[in-house]
Amino acid sequence: MTTTTRAPRQSPVEFSREAWQELRKVTWPSRETVLRLTLIVLVISALIAVYIFAFDNVFTIVITNGIVGGPTATPVPTQ
């Protein structure tokens, strides 16, 4: 059986201080980069949604008309 040693616990204040120091080291993207990448994600998401919508409709038509048979119209009762 292997025993692991834990690091001593630190206070929440110390943790927050160290986390803030690490966040200062991060190279944040520019506003233009964020906007450009967001636009790319939205466009790709829309294209995938259109693709899934089209494939679903084609699949529904094939299943409904090809395999199951189209819905039959009921005759209108005459008097």
Protein backbone atom coordinates (compact mmCIF):
# COMPACT_ATOMS: atom_id res chain seq x y z
CA MET A 1 0.00 0.00 0.00
CA THR A 2 1.35 3.41 -0.98
CA THR A 3 0.96 6.38 1.29
CA THR A 4 0.94 9.87 -0.06
CA THR A 5 1.87 12.93 1.88
CA ARG A 6 -0.32 15.97 1.58
CA ALA A 7 0.89 19.51 1.39
CA PRO A 8 -0.04 21.58 4.42
CA ARG A 9 -3.31 23.46 4.02
CA GLN A 10 -3.15 27.15 3.27
CA SER A 11 -5.55 29.84 4.31
CA PRO A 12 -8.15 31.16 1.85
CA VAL A 13 -6.45 34.55 1.92
CA GLU A 14 -3.09 33.03 0.96
CA PHE A 15 -4.75 30.98 -1.78
CA SER A 16 -6.47 34.08 -3.18
CA ARG A 17 -3.22 36.03 -3.13
CA GLU A 18 -1.36 33.28 -5.03
CA ALA A 19 -4.20 32.87 -7.53
CA TRP A 20 -4.18 36.63 -8.21
CA GLN A 21 -0.41 36.55 -8.74
CA GLU A 22 -0.81 33.74 -11.27
CA LEU A 23 -3.58 35.59 -13.10
CA ARG A 24 -1.25 38.56 -13.54
CA LYS A 25 1.15 36.29 -15.46
CA VAL A 26 -1.52 35.35 -18.03
CA THR A 27 -1.24 36.83 -21.51
CA TRP A 28 -4.81 37.87 -22.23
CA PRO A 29 -6.02 38.09 -25.85
CA SER A 30 -6.87 41.45 -27.36
CA ARG A 31 -10.45 42.60 -27.79
CA GLU A 32 -10.22 42.14 -31.57
CA THR A 33 -9.01 38.56 -31.16
CA VAL A 34 -11.85 37.72 -28.78
CA LEU A 35 -14.44 39.24 -31.14
CA ARG A 36 -12.97 37.47 -34.19
CA LEU A 37 -12.86 34.08 -32.49
CA THR A 38 -16.38 34.54 -31.10
CA LEU A 39 -17.65 35.30 -34.60
CA ILE A 40 -15.93 32.19 -35.95
CA VAL A 41 -17.55 30.03 -33.26
CA LEU A 42 -21.00 31.50 -33.98
CA VAL A 43 -20.66 30.98 -37.75
CA ILE A 44 -19.47 27.39 -37.38
CA SER A 45 -22.26 26.67 -34.88
CA ALA A 46 -24.85 28.09 -37.30
CA LEU A 47 -23.44 25.99 -40.17
CA ILE A 48 -23.58 22.83 -38.09
CA ALA A 49 -27.17 23.66 -37.04
CA VAL A 50 -28.19 24.12 -40.70
CA TYR A 51 -26.48 20.84 -41.63
CA ILE A 52 -28.24 18.92 -38.85
CA PHE A 53 -31.59 20.54 -39.73
CA ALA A 54 -31.22 19.65 -43.41
CA PHE A 55 -30.08 16.08 -42.68
CA ASP A 56 -32.96 15.59 -40.23
CA ASN A 57 -35.52 16.79 -42.77
CA VAL A 58 -34.10 14.60 -45.55
CA PHE A 59 -34.00 11.62 -43.18
CA THR A 60 -37.62 12.27 -42.14
CA ILE A 61 -38.78 12.47 -45.77
CA VAL A 62 -36.92 9.27 -46.69
CA ILE A 63 -38.32 7.37 -43.72
CA THR A 64 -41.86 8.73 -44.08
CA ASN A 65 -42.22 8.36 -47.85
CA GLY A 66 -39.75 5.62 -48.65
CA ILE A 67 -39.97 3.09 -45.87
CA VAL A 68 -43.23 3.69 -44.02
CA GLY A 69 -45.16 5.06 -46.97
CA GLY A 70 -46.63 8.49 -47.17
CA PRO A 71 -49.68 9.43 -45.20
CA THR A 72 -52.84 8.52 -47.00
CA ALA A 73 -55.60 11.07 -47.31
CA THR A 74 -58.91 10.09 -45.83
CA PRO A 75 -61.83 10.62 -48.15
CA VAL A 76 -64.19 13.47 -47.37
CA PRO A 77 -67.57 12.07 -46.36
CA THR A 78 -70.33 12.94 -48.81
CA GLN A 79 -73.98 13.27 -47.98
